[in-house]
Protein backbone atom coordinates (compact mmCIF):
# COMPACT_ATOMS: atom_id res chain seq x y z
CA MET A 1 -1.59 0.43 -14.03
CA GLY A 2 -3.18 0.47 -10.51
CA ALA A 3 -6.43 1.09 -12.17
CA ALA A 4 -6.17 -1.38 -14.95
CA LEU A 5 -5.39 -4.22 -11.97
CA CYS A 6 -8.49 -2.99 -10.09
CA LEU A 7 -10.52 -3.36 -13.30
CA LEU A 8 -9.50 -6.85 -13.99
CA SER A 9 -9.90 -8.13 -10.30
CA ALA A 10 -13.68 -6.84 -10.63
CA ALA A 11 -14.19 -8.77 -13.67
CA GLY A 12 -13.09 -11.81 -11.81
CA PHE A 13 -15.33 -11.13 -9.06
CA GLY A 14 -17.92 -10.17 -11.10
CA ALA A 15 -18.10 -13.37 -13.07
CA MET A 16 -18.02 -15.46 -10.05
CA ALA A 17 -21.73 -14.55 -9.26
CA ILE A 18 -22.40 -16.38 -13.04
CA PHE A 19 -20.07 -19.39 -11.86
CA GLY A 20 -21.94 -19.60 -8.69
CA LYS A 21 -25.16 -20.14 -10.15
CA LEU A 22 -23.92 -22.61 -12.99
CA ALA A 23 -22.44 -24.44 -10.45
CA TYR A 24 -26.02 -24.46 -8.14
CA ASP A 25 -27.50 -26.24 -11.17
CA ALA A 26 -24.75 -28.56 -11.16
CA GLY A 27 -25.57 -29.84 -7.28
CA VAL A 28 -22.90 -27.82 -5.55
CA SER A 29 -24.13 -26.56 -2.57
CA PRO A 30 -22.92 -23.61 -0.81
CA GLY A 31 -20.63 -24.96 2.06
CA ALA A 32 -18.99 -26.75 -0.65
CA LEU A 33 -18.48 -24.10 -3.02
CA LEU A 34 -16.87 -22.18 -0.42
CA LEU A 35 -14.70 -25.07 1.13
CA VAL A 36 -13.48 -25.87 -2.68
CA ARG A 37 -13.08 -22.40 -3.63
CA PHE A 38 -10.65 -21.14 -0.53
CA THR A 39 -8.70 -24.81 -0.52
CA LEU A 40 -7.98 -25.22 -4.05
CA ALA A 41 -6.99 -21.41 -4.39
CA ALA A 42 -4.87 -21.65 -1.56
CA VAL A 43 -2.99 -24.86 -2.98
CA LEU A 44 -2.64 -23.29 -6.24
CA LEU A 45 -1.32 -19.91 -4.85
CA GLY A 46 1.47 -22.30 -2.95
CA ILE A 47 2.52 -24.01 -5.91
CA VAL A 48 3.09 -20.53 -7.60
CA LEU A 49 5.40 -19.82 -4.83
CA LEU A 50 7.23 -22.89 -5.15
CA VAL A 51 7.57 -22.27 -8.71
CA ARG A 52 8.43 -19.03 -8.50
CA PRO A 53 10.13 -18.05 -5.44
CA GLY A 54 10.88 -14.61 -6.48
CA LEU A 55 7.60 -13.81 -5.92
CA ARG A 56 7.76 -14.26 -2.42
CA ARG A 57 9.60 -10.99 -1.98
CA ALA A 58 7.96 -7.54 -2.46
CA ALA A 59 9.51 -5.23 -5.29
CA SER A 60 12.39 -3.39 -4.10
CA GLY A 61 10.67 -0.30 -5.29
CA SER A 62 7.93 -0.80 -2.92
CA PRO A 63 7.21 1.90 -0.38
CA ARG A 64 7.74 0.88 3.00
CA GLY A 65 4.77 1.19 5.68
CA GLU A 66 6.95 3.40 7.49
CA ALA A 67 7.62 5.79 5.01
CA ALA A 68 4.31 6.18 4.32
CA GLY A 69 3.59 7.11 7.73
CA ARG A 70 2.38 4.02 9.04
CA PRO A 71 3.39 2.50 12.50
CA ALA A 72 6.14 0.18 12.62
CA MET A 73 5.11 -3.68 12.59
CA THR A 74 6.85 -6.92 13.47
CA ARG A 75 6.48 -9.59 10.90
CA GLY A 76 4.97 -11.77 13.21
CA ARG A 77 2.22 -9.40 13.43
CA VAL A 78 1.93 -8.67 9.53
CA LEU A 79 1.62 -12.62 9.36
CA ALA A 80 -0.83 -12.98 11.53
CA ILE A 81 -3.35 -10.07 10.20
CA ALA A 82 -2.84 -11.41 6.60
CA ILE A 83 -3.70 -15.06 7.96
CA GLY A 84 -6.82 -13.33 10.21
CA LEU A 85 -7.73 -11.64 6.98
CA GLY A 86 -9.04 -14.57 5.11
CA ALA A 87 -9.84 -16.68 8.30
CA ILE A 88 -11.60 -14.32 9.97
CA GLY A 89 -12.88 -11.29 7.46
CA TYR A 90 -12.85 -13.17 4.03
CA ALA A 91 -14.20 -16.24 5.31
CA THR A 92 -17.20 -14.31 7.26
CA GLN A 93 -17.85 -12.30 3.97
CA ALA A 94 -18.22 -14.96 1.68
CA SER A 95 -20.20 -17.23 3.88
CA LEU A 96 -22.47 -13.90 4.85
CA PHE A 97 -22.75 -12.88 0.91
CA PHE A 98 -24.06 -16.87 -0.14
CA SER A 99 -26.44 -17.28 2.83
CA ALA A 100 -27.91 -13.97 1.70
CA LEU A 101 -28.08 -15.08 -2.18
CA GLN A 102 -30.28 -18.46 -0.64
CA LEU A 103 -32.60 -16.18 0.40
CA MET A 104 -33.15 -12.87 -1.59
CA ASP A 105 -33.03 -11.85 -5.44
CA ALA A 106 -28.97 -11.45 -6.73
CA SER A 107 -29.64 -8.02 -7.84
CA LEU A 108 -30.97 -6.96 -4.49
CA LEU A 109 -28.00 -8.39 -2.93
CA ALA A 110 -25.43 -6.83 -5.37
CA LEU A 111 -26.99 -3.50 -4.60
CA ILE A 112 -26.97 -4.06 -0.99
CA LEU A 113 -23.13 -4.86 -1.31
CA TYR A 114 -22.48 -2.56 -3.24
CA THR A 115 -22.75 0.02 -0.49
CA TYR A 116 -19.19 -0.76 0.46
CA PRO A 117 -17.14 1.66 -1.51
CA VAL A 118 -19.17 4.51 0.20
CA MET A 119 -18.33 3.01 3.73
CA VAL A 120 -14.54 2.41 2.40
CA THR A 121 -14.09 6.13 1.32
CA VAL A 122 -16.09 7.38 4.40
CA ALA A 123 -13.75 5.29 6.83
CA ALA A 124 -10.63 6.17 5.06
CA VAL A 125 -11.22 9.82 4.92
CA LEU A 126 -12.22 9.42 8.81
CA LEU A 127 -8.87 7.66 9.64
CA GLY A 128 -6.94 9.92 7.83
CA ARG A 129 -5.95 7.62 5.15
CA ASP A 130 -7.49 9.07 2.11
CA ARG A 131 -8.66 12.63 0.84
CA LEU A 132 -11.85 13.03 -0.20
CA THR A 133 -10.78 15.37 -3.06
CA PRO A 134 -13.49 16.71 -5.48
CA ALA A 135 -12.37 14.22 -8.20
CA ARG A 136 -12.78 11.49 -6.03
CA GLY A 137 -15.70 12.53 -5.00
CA ALA A 138 -17.08 12.83 -8.31
CA ALA A 139 -15.76 9.64 -9.22
CA LEU A 140 -17.91 7.90 -6.27
CA ALA A 141 -20.81 9.60 -6.82
CA ALA A 142 -20.69 8.30 -10.46
CA ALA A 143 -19.62 4.94 -9.75
CA SER A 144 -22.48 4.24 -6.67
CA GLY A 145 -25.04 6.03 -9.30
CA GLY A 146 -24.09 3.88 -12.33
CA THR A 147 -24.42 0.78 -9.84
CA LEU A 148 -27.65 1.74 -8.77
CA LEU A 149 -29.05 2.20 -12.40
CA VAL A 150 -27.62 -1.39 -13.72
CA LEU A 151 -28.79 -2.99 -10.87
CA LEU A 152 -32.15 -1.41 -10.47
CA GLY A 153 -32.73 -1.38 -14.22
CA ALA A 154 -33.04 -5.22 -14.00
CA GLY A 155 -36.95 -4.55 -12.86
CA GLY A 156 -38.71 -5.94 -9.63
CA VAL A 157 -36.63 -7.81 -7.35
CA SER A 158 -38.06 -9.52 -4.28
CA PHE A 159 -36.90 -8.90 -0.60
CA HIS A 160 -36.50 -10.96 2.43
CA PRO A 161 -35.45 -8.91 5.73
CA LEU A 162 -33.12 -11.78 6.91
CA GLY A 163 -31.31 -11.79 3.73
CA ALA A 164 -31.00 -7.84 3.51
CA LEU A 165 -29.97 -8.07 7.05
CA LEU A 166 -27.12 -10.52 5.63
CA ALA A 167 -26.28 -8.63 2.91
CA PHE A 168 -25.69 -5.60 4.88
CA ALA A 169 -23.40 -7.50 7.49
CA SER A 170 -21.39 -8.80 4.35
CA ALA A 171 -20.88 -5.16 2.99
CA ILE A 172 -19.65 -3.96 6.33
CA THR A 173 -17.12 -7.01 6.93
CA TYR A 174 -15.67 -6.29 3.37
CA THR A 175 -15.22 -2.40 4.64
CA VAL A 176 -13.08 -3.93 7.45
CA TYR A 177 -11.36 -6.33 5.27
CA ILE A 178 -9.85 -3.62 2.87
CA LEU A 179 -9.04 -0.99 4.99
CA VAL A 180 -7.41 -3.94 7.35
CA ALA A 181 -5.72 -5.35 4.16
CA ASP A 182 -4.47 -1.77 3.65
CA THR A 183 -2.35 -1.83 6.44
CA VAL A 184 -0.38 -5.07 5.60
CA VAL A 185 -0.56 -4.55 1.89
CA HIS A 186 2.69 -2.67 1.86
CA ARG A 187 4.84 -4.74 3.77
CA LEU A 188 3.99 -8.48 1.74
CA ALA A 189 4.23 -9.49 -1.67
CA PRO A 190 0.63 -9.78 -3.19
CA VAL A 191 1.23 -13.77 -3.84
CA VAL A 192 2.19 -14.37 -0.68
CA LEU A 193 -0.44 -12.15 1.21
CA SER A 194 -3.02 -13.88 -1.49
CA ALA A 195 -1.83 -17.26 -0.08
CA LEU A 196 -2.29 -16.52 3.58
CA VAL A 197 -5.82 -15.16 3.05
CA MET A 198 -6.60 -18.11 0.75
CA THR A 199 -4.96 -20.42 3.68
CA GLY A 200 -6.95 -18.58 6.54
CA ALA A 201 -10.28 -19.17 4.64
CA ALA A 202 -9.69 -22.47 3.77
CA GLY A 203 -8.54 -23.47 7.59
CA THR A 204 -11.60 -21.49 9.00
CA LEU A 205 -14.34 -23.41 6.53
CA GLY A 206 -12.24 -26.92 6.80
CA THR A 207 -12.84 -26.38 10.78
CA ARG A 208 -16.55 -25.75 10.52
CA ALA A 209 -17.22 -28.57 8.06
CA LEU A 210 -15.48 -30.91 10.57
CA LEU A 211 -17.42 -29.67 13.23
CA THR A 212 -20.69 -29.65 11.48
CA SER A 213 -22.16 -32.90 9.20
CA GLY A 214 -19.22 -31.68 6.47
CA VAL A 215 -20.06 -31.09 2.95
CA ASP A 216 -21.50 -33.03 0.14
CA LEU A 217 -18.98 -33.49 -2.68
CA GLY A 218 -20.82 -36.06 -4.45
CA PHE A 219 -21.50 -33.34 -7.52
CA GLY A 220 -20.81 -34.45 -11.42
CA VAL A 221 -18.08 -33.14 -13.51
CA SER A 222 -19.74 -30.21 -14.58
CA GLY A 223 -19.80 -28.73 -10.76
CA TRP A 224 -15.87 -29.18 -10.37
CA LEU A 225 -15.52 -27.14 -13.60
CA TRP A 226 -17.25 -24.50 -12.18
CA LEU A 227 -15.79 -24.72 -9.02
CA ALA A 228 -12.33 -24.50 -11.26
CA CYS A 229 -13.44 -21.31 -12.64
CA ILE A 230 -14.23 -19.95 -9.08
CA ALA A 231 -10.76 -20.54 -7.74
CA VAL A 232 -8.83 -19.79 -10.51
CA ALA A 233 -10.52 -16.75 -12.58
CA SER A 234 -13.04 -15.22 -9.87
CA THR A 235 -10.50 -15.95 -6.71
CA VAL A 236 -6.82 -16.39 -7.49
CA VAL A 237 -6.53 -14.09 -10.20
CA ALA A 238 -9.08 -11.70 -8.57
CA MET A 239 -7.17 -11.57 -5.45
CA LEU A 240 -3.64 -10.82 -6.77
CA THR A 241 -5.07 -8.41 -8.92
CA PHE A 242 -6.74 -6.58 -5.96
CA PHE A 243 -3.98 -6.61 -4.09
CA ALA A 244 -1.74 -5.53 -6.49
CA GLY A 245 -4.01 -2.83 -7.56
CA LEU A 246 -4.67 -1.87 -3.99
CA LYS A 247 -1.38 -1.40 -3.25
CA ARG A 248 -0.81 1.56 -6.26
CA THR A 249 -4.40 3.15 -5.99
CA GLY A 250 -5.08 3.54 -2.15
CA PRO A 251 -8.32 2.07 -0.45
CA SER A 252 -10.67 4.71 -1.65
CA THR A 253 -9.63 4.24 -5.33
CA ALA A 254 -9.65 0.43 -5.36
CA ALA A 255 -13.33 0.49 -3.78
CA ILE A 256 -14.34 3.00 -6.24
CA LEU A 257 -13.00 1.03 -9.35
CA SER A 258 -14.47 -2.29 -7.88
CA THR A 259 -17.94 -1.18 -8.58
CA PHE A 260 -17.03 -2.18 -12.25
CA GLU A 261 -17.86 -5.88 -10.86
CA PRO A 262 -21.71 -5.35 -11.46
CA VAL A 263 -21.27 -4.12 -14.85
CA VAL A 264 -19.24 -7.15 -15.62
CA THR A 265 -22.03 -9.65 -13.80
CA ALA A 266 -24.87 -7.95 -16.03
CA THR A 267 -23.23 -8.20 -19.15
CA LEU A 268 -22.13 -12.17 -18.78
CA ALA A 269 -25.49 -12.59 -17.45
CA ALA A 270 -26.97 -11.77 -20.59
CA LEU A 271 -24.60 -13.49 -22.87
CA ILE A 272 -24.71 -16.89 -20.57
CA LEU A 273 -27.91 -16.77 -18.92
CA GLY A 274 -29.79 -15.10 -21.56
CA GLU A 275 -30.76 -12.17 -19.42
CA SER A 276 -30.75 -8.70 -21.48
CA LEU A 277 -29.73 -5.18 -20.91
CA THR A 278 -32.41 -2.31 -20.44
CA PRO A 279 -31.42 0.63 -21.76
CA VAL A 280 -31.27 2.24 -17.70
CA GLN A 281 -28.25 -0.51 -17.04
CA LEU A 282 -26.70 0.59 -20.20
CA ALA A 283 -26.71 4.13 -19.07
CA GLY A 284 -25.80 2.87 -15.36
CA GLY A 285 -22.94 1.16 -17.00
CA ALA A 286 -21.69 4.23 -18.61
CA LEU A 287 -21.45 6.04 -15.62
CA VAL A 288 -19.24 3.45 -13.85
CA LEU A 289 -17.17 3.46 -16.59
CA SER A 290 -17.05 7.12 -16.41
CA SER A 291 -15.93 7.06 -12.80
CA VAL A 292 -12.21 5.17 -13.98
CA VAL A 293 -11.94 7.84 -16.32
CA ILE A 294 -12.53 10.84 -13.84
CA LEU A 295 -9.99 9.12 -11.85
CA GLN A 296 -7.33 8.24 -14.45
CA LEU A 297 -7.58 11.91 -15.31
CA ARG A 298 -6.84 13.35 -11.69
CA ARG A 299 -4.01 10.79 -11.76
CA THR A 300 -2.94 12.28 -15.25
CA GLY A 301 -3.43 16.12 -14.49
CA THR A 302 -2.07 16.11 -10.87
CA ARG A 303 1.04 13.88 -11.40
CA ARG A 304 3.87 16.56 -11.43
CA GLN A 305 2.03 19.23 -9.26
CA ASP A 306 1.59 17.14 -6.06
CA GLN A 307 4.20 14.37 -6.91
CA SER A 308 6.00 15.09 -3.29
CA LEU A 309 2.41 15.14 -1.81
CA ARG A 310 1.05 11.92 -3.25
CA PRO A 311 1.18 8.92 -0.81
CA ALA A 312 3.42 6.13 -1.78
CA SER A 313 0.38 3.82 -2.34
CA ASP A 314 -0.60 6.02 -5.15
CA GLN A 315 2.46 5.72 -7.23
CA PRO A 316 3.45 3.38 -9.81
CA ASP A 317 6.49 0.62 -9.07
CA LEU A 318 9.40 1.45 -10.65
CA GLY A 319 11.30 -1.63 -9.56
CA PRO A 320 15.10 -0.78 -8.61
CA THR A 321 15.57 2.03 -10.86
CA ARG A 322 14.59 5.06 -8.24
CA PRO A 323 16.76 3.44 -5.23
CA ARG A 324 19.34 2.69 -7.75
CA ILE A 325 19.84 6.43 -8.94
CA GLN A 326 19.46 7.54 -5.24
CA GLY A 327 22.17 5.62 -4.23
CA ALA A 328 24.40 6.74 -7.21
CA ILE A 329 23.70 10.25 -6.18
CA MET A 330 24.11 9.59 -2.21
CA ARG A 331 27.76 7.89 -2.83
CA GLY A 332 29.03 10.66 -4.78
CA GLU A 333 28.76 9.28 -8.10
CA HIS A 334 27.05 12.34 -9.52
CA ALA A 335 28.65 15.66 -8.25
CA PRO A 336 26.79 18.81 -7.17
CA GLY A 337 25.37 20.74 -9.74
CA GLU A 338 25.91 17.75 -12.09
CA ALA A 339 22.83 17.25 -14.80
CA LEU A 340 21.39 14.15 -14.56
CA LYS A 341 20.77 13.18 -18.27
CA PRO A 342 17.71 10.49 -18.77
CA GLN A 343 18.84 8.98 -21.77
CA GLN A 344 22.38 8.23 -20.19
CA LEU A 345 20.80 6.77 -17.24
CA ALA A 346 18.34 4.55 -18.92
CA GLN A 347 21.35 3.19 -20.93
CA GLN A 348 23.07 2.88 -18.04
CA HIS A 349 20.13 0.95 -15.91
CA GLU A 350 18.78 -0.70 -19.06
CA VAL A 351 15.05 0.52 -18.42
CA SER A 352 13.05 2.91 -20.56
CA LEU A 353 13.14 6.61 -20.77
CA ALA A 354 9.70 6.46 -19.35
CA VAL A 355 10.79 4.66 -16.39
CA VAL A 356 14.00 7.14 -15.82
CA ARG A 357 12.01 10.45 -16.17
CA GLU A 358 9.35 8.93 -13.22
CA ALA A 359 12.05 7.82 -11.13
CA LEU A 360 14.26 11.37 -11.43
CA VAL A 361 10.85 13.35 -10.83
CA ARG A 362 10.38 11.54 -7.64
CA LEU A 363 13.64 12.05 -6.59
CA VAL A 364 12.63 15.62 -7.08
CA GLY A 365 9.98 15.84 -5.06
CA GLU A 366 12.20 13.94 -2.00
CA GLY A 367 15.09 16.66 -2.71
CA ILE A 368 17.64 14.10 -3.94
CA ALA A 369 17.78 15.83 -7.25
CA VAL A 370 16.67 19.08 -8.52
CA ARG A 371 14.34 20.27 -11.86
CA LEU A 372 16.00 23.30 -13.37
CA PRO A 373 13.94 25.62 -16.19
CA ASN A 374 15.29 24.24 -19.88
CA ARG A 375 18.24 22.38 -18.45
CA GLY A 376 16.13 19.12 -17.05
CA PHE A 377 17.43 17.40 -14.02
CA ALA A 378 20.48 17.83 -11.86
CA VAL A 379 21.94 17.16 -8.36
CA PRO A 380 21.16 19.79 -5.98
CA ASP A 381 24.09 22.30 -5.22
CA PHE A 382 24.85 22.80 -1.57
CA SER A 383 23.20 25.87 -0.11
CA ASP A 384 23.65 26.80 3.71
CA ARG A 385 20.32 28.42 3.64
CA ARG A 386 18.26 25.16 2.57
CA TRP A 387 19.96 23.05 5.00
CA GLN A 388 19.70 25.98 7.56
CA GLU A 389 15.51 25.61 7.12
CA ILE A 390 15.32 22.18 6.79
CA ALA A 391 17.27 22.03 10.52
CA GLU A 392 15.04 24.58 11.73
CA ALA A 393 11.80 22.61 10.90
CA ARG A 394 13.37 19.51 12.11
CA ARG A 395 14.26 21.38 15.63
CA THR A 396 11.07 22.77 15.58
CA VAL A 397 8.92 19.47 14.95
CA GLU A 398 11.01 16.66 16.24
CA PRO A 399 11.44 17.69 19.98
CA VAL A 400 7.73 18.08 20.15
CA MET A 401 7.09 14.80 18.37
CA LEU A 402 9.54 13.44 21.36
CA ARG A 403 7.76 14.17 24.09
CA LEU A 404 4.78 12.96 22.70
CA ALA A 405 6.66 9.47 22.34
CA ILE A 406 7.85 9.47 25.74
CA GLU A 407 4.36 10.11 26.75
CA ARG A 408 2.60 7.79 24.69
CA GLY A 409 4.83 4.90 24.21
CA ASP A 410 4.26 1.88 25.47
CA LEU A 411 6.96 -1.22 26.11
CA ASP A 412 6.82 -2.75 22.92
CA TRP A 413 7.77 1.15 21.44
CA GLU A 414 10.74 0.75 24.10
CA ALA A 415 11.16 -2.44 22.93
CA ARG A 416 12.00 -1.02 19.29
CA VAL A 417 13.98 1.84 20.32
CA ARG A 418 16.72 -0.48 22.12
CA ALA A 419 16.39 -2.38 18.99
CA ALA A 420 17.02 0.07 16.61
CA HIS A 421 19.63 1.53 18.70
CA HIS A 422 21.44 -1.35 18.97
CA ARG A 423 21.39 -2.02 15.05
CA LEU A 424 22.86 1.42 14.35
CA THR A 425 25.45 0.56 16.97
CA ARG A 426 26.37 -2.36 15.08
CA THR A 427 26.24 -1.36 11.46
CA PRO A 428 29.61 0.01 10.17
CA ALA A 429 29.64 3.63 9.57
CA TYR A 430 32.03 3.30 6.62
CA VAL A 431 32.38 0.25 4.07
CA PRO A 432 35.36 0.21 1.58
CA GLU A 433 33.42 -0.20 -1.26
CA GLU A 434 31.19 3.22 -0.67
CA GLY A 435 34.53 5.22 0.13
CA GLU A 436 34.63 7.76 2.40
CA TYR A 437 30.47 8.45 2.43
CA TYR A 438 28.31 7.02 4.97
CA SER A 439 27.21 3.76 4.07
CA SER A 440 24.03 3.13 2.92
CA ALA A 441 23.42 0.41 5.74
CA TRP A 442 24.10 3.01 8.43
CA SER A 443 22.19 5.84 6.68
CA GLU A 444 19.39 3.24 6.92
CA ALA A 445 20.00 2.00 10.42
CA HIS A 446 20.46 5.92 11.51
CA ARG A 447 17.07 6.81 9.87
CA VAL A 448 15.03 3.98 11.36
CA PHE A 449 16.44 4.92 14.76
CA HIS A 450 15.46 8.25 14.80
CA ARG A 451 12.31 7.43 13.22
CA THR A 452 11.56 4.92 16.18
CA LEU A 453 12.38 7.01 18.71
CA LEU A 454 9.35 9.29 17.32
CA ASP A 455 6.94 7.32 16.07
CA GLY A 456 5.61 6.39 19.51
CA CYS A 457 3.80 9.51 19.18
CA GLY A 458 1.00 7.66 17.09
CA ASN A 459 0.51 10.94 15.06
CA LEU A 460 0.60 10.34 11.20
CA VAL A 461 0.66 13.69 10.08
CA LEU A 462 3.64 14.80 12.13
CA LEU A 463 5.41 11.39 11.32
CA ASP A 464 4.77 12.08 7.78
CA THR A 465 6.54 15.46 8.26
CA PHE A 466 9.16 13.93 9.53
CA ASP A 467 9.77 11.67 6.61
CA ARG A 468 9.64 14.32 4.41
CA LEU A 469 12.43 16.47 6.04
CA TRP A 470 14.36 13.54 6.55
CA THR A 471 14.74 12.68 2.98
CA ALA A 472 15.24 16.22 2.12
CA GLY A 473 18.05 16.72 4.12
CA GLU A 474 19.58 12.95 3.19
CA LEU A 475 21.79 14.22 0.66
CA ALA A 476 23.83 16.63 2.54
CA ARG A 477 24.08 14.56 5.68
CA ARG A 478 25.35 11.72 3.66
CA TRP A 479 28.18 14.11 2.30
CA SER A 480 28.93 15.47 5.68
CA ALA A 481 30.90 12.62 6.87
CA GLN A 482 33.74 14.37 5.44
CA ARG A 483 33.47 17.30 7.20
CA THR A 484 33.06 16.25 10.87
CA PRO A 485 35.08 12.96 10.97
CA ASP A 486 35.93 13.61 14.81
CA ARG A 487 32.19 13.94 15.85
CA ASP A 488 31.18 11.27 18.50
CA GLY A 489 27.67 10.40 17.03
CA VAL A 490 28.05 7.24 19.06
CA ALA A 491 27.75 9.50 22.19
CA GLU A 492 25.11 11.25 20.89
CA HIS A 493 22.63 8.64 19.90
CA ARG A 494 23.28 6.76 23.17
CA ARG A 495 22.41 9.96 25.08
CA LEU A 496 18.96 10.45 22.91
CA GLU A 497 18.49 6.49 23.57
CA GLU A 498 19.08 6.48 27.65
CA ALA A 499 16.83 10.10 27.66
CA ALA A 500 14.10 8.66 26.01
CA LEU A 501 13.79 5.20 27.88
CA ALA A 502 14.18 7.02 31.24
CA ARG A 503 11.10 8.73 30.04
CA ASP A 504 12.70 12.35 30.88
CA ALA A 505 11.16 14.39 28.11
CA ASP A 506 12.91 17.68 28.84
CA THR A 507 16.38 16.07 28.55
CA ALA A 508 15.64 13.87 25.52
CA ALA A 509 14.30 16.97 23.98
CA ASP A 510 17.08 19.34 24.77
CA VAL A 511 19.61 16.43 23.46
CA LEU A 512 17.44 15.76 19.98
CA ALA A 513 17.82 19.97 19.88
CA GLN A 514 21.73 19.73 20.38
CA HIS A 515 22.16 16.64 17.88
CA LEU A 516 20.29 18.48 15.25
CA THR A 517 22.30 21.72 16.07
CA LEU A 518 25.82 19.95 15.47
CA THR A 519 24.00 18.42 12.36
CA VAL A 520 23.20 21.73 10.68
CA ALA A 521 26.67 23.12 11.94
CA ALA A 522 28.17 20.71 9.58
CA LEU A 523 26.44 20.81 6.70
CA THR A 524 26.80 24.65 6.64
CA SER A 525 30.29 24.79 4.70
CA THR A 526 31.02 23.27 1.06
CA PRO A 527 33.41 20.89 0.76
CA GLU A 528 35.59 21.46 -2.10
CA HIS A 529 36.19 17.89 -2.80
CA VAL A 530 32.89 16.34 -2.49
CA GLY A 531 31.86 14.41 -5.94
CA GLN A 532 35.64 14.87 -7.14
CA GLN A 533 36.18 11.29 -7.03
CA SER A 534 33.38 10.76 -9.47
């Protein structure tokens, strides 16, 4: 699904050059085109959000940025970045692109612009956000080579030094734009993010128009028609599908699939503007499309082998199905060792069998369920060795992370630790509707407190390790409430917070190690009544 969304986005953006040429022929200036495009798009997205308020919320199955190993962000910072993407990133990139278009041939401009997939992939790998796998490298080579053939197959092109400089600046700006967008795309609904980006761009271009001589809007009906096409098909639809695709595929794959755009441009140019596709261009188009096949084969062939290792952004959105099944297991509605039958779960949750199977595969990767040979899926049985190994790994890794967090954490980290601890102390550990098990709200507050303590270390690899270890032990931890009713967890967490904020690394590490030792002691004897109420 993510690949299809990226391709649809590329088609919309690819048509924009054709709409732009037709708008220019109708007397529209570049300044007017950009201002009307972003303003109209912002208004349309605002209307969509008013009519469909449900689109303001991210899907409940969407991965949290924290769970993906990303540093926490305040809501205000997320909104500021989203608006800045439009006000600085998108407005600048579009202005550079259309300024270059006035000085040079469109095919050469597109060739220079489409160096950005290479830039994005290299930058994402250097930043540790993506892995340059052999399949991804092959797809990148095929897509880039195909793009070269599509664009160079048009024949001779004119060259303008300033135009080329503007084109490269546009490519660099778009690279930064994609990488920054990847930091907030998981934290906002796609429609909200798109609306904020469009509003930011419209604000920048509107301010520029006020400070200069303004823009000429005295063109005819045909000009407005092409501007409407640019705003709707090549901006609103293209933006929404791009963000939705980026959320599911990650920055490198989204950038590679976006190279389908020049194929669309060349095809529409042949159909609408009378240009013809040469054999070289056809070969290039086939190469670009082959990159899509390579990426899809990679996703299909490795889905089961590395399900637990894939970044959350590389997985499809299942909506509430996975968290509902996980919640039922955590609450003891399924006893240890009980079979999880996809057919029954599909009927219970009113979803397709494929959705349930995908949800169960993910839960297996997270340690919430197990897959037994010839028996399907089941709830894990208690195994003292399993929990001891998890605890041993946590006692090895987390004190080191805490020392780094105390050394590197800033005032913002201290404030977030205080807030997370306050939330933990004010959240009831038990609620009547969840019986004698730890409540879902408390369990989440507990996770956030421990992760906030450690995210000051700033090491995404270590944080990802914490996320996986925490998830692997969450099932037993939730059930352990029945075994240690007299344990003073409040005091343990208070001492942990005080030592961390006092910047006493030795004491904090010792307190954390003792806290984890007490936890594993609570997990090493199977309660006979766990799951009996179900």
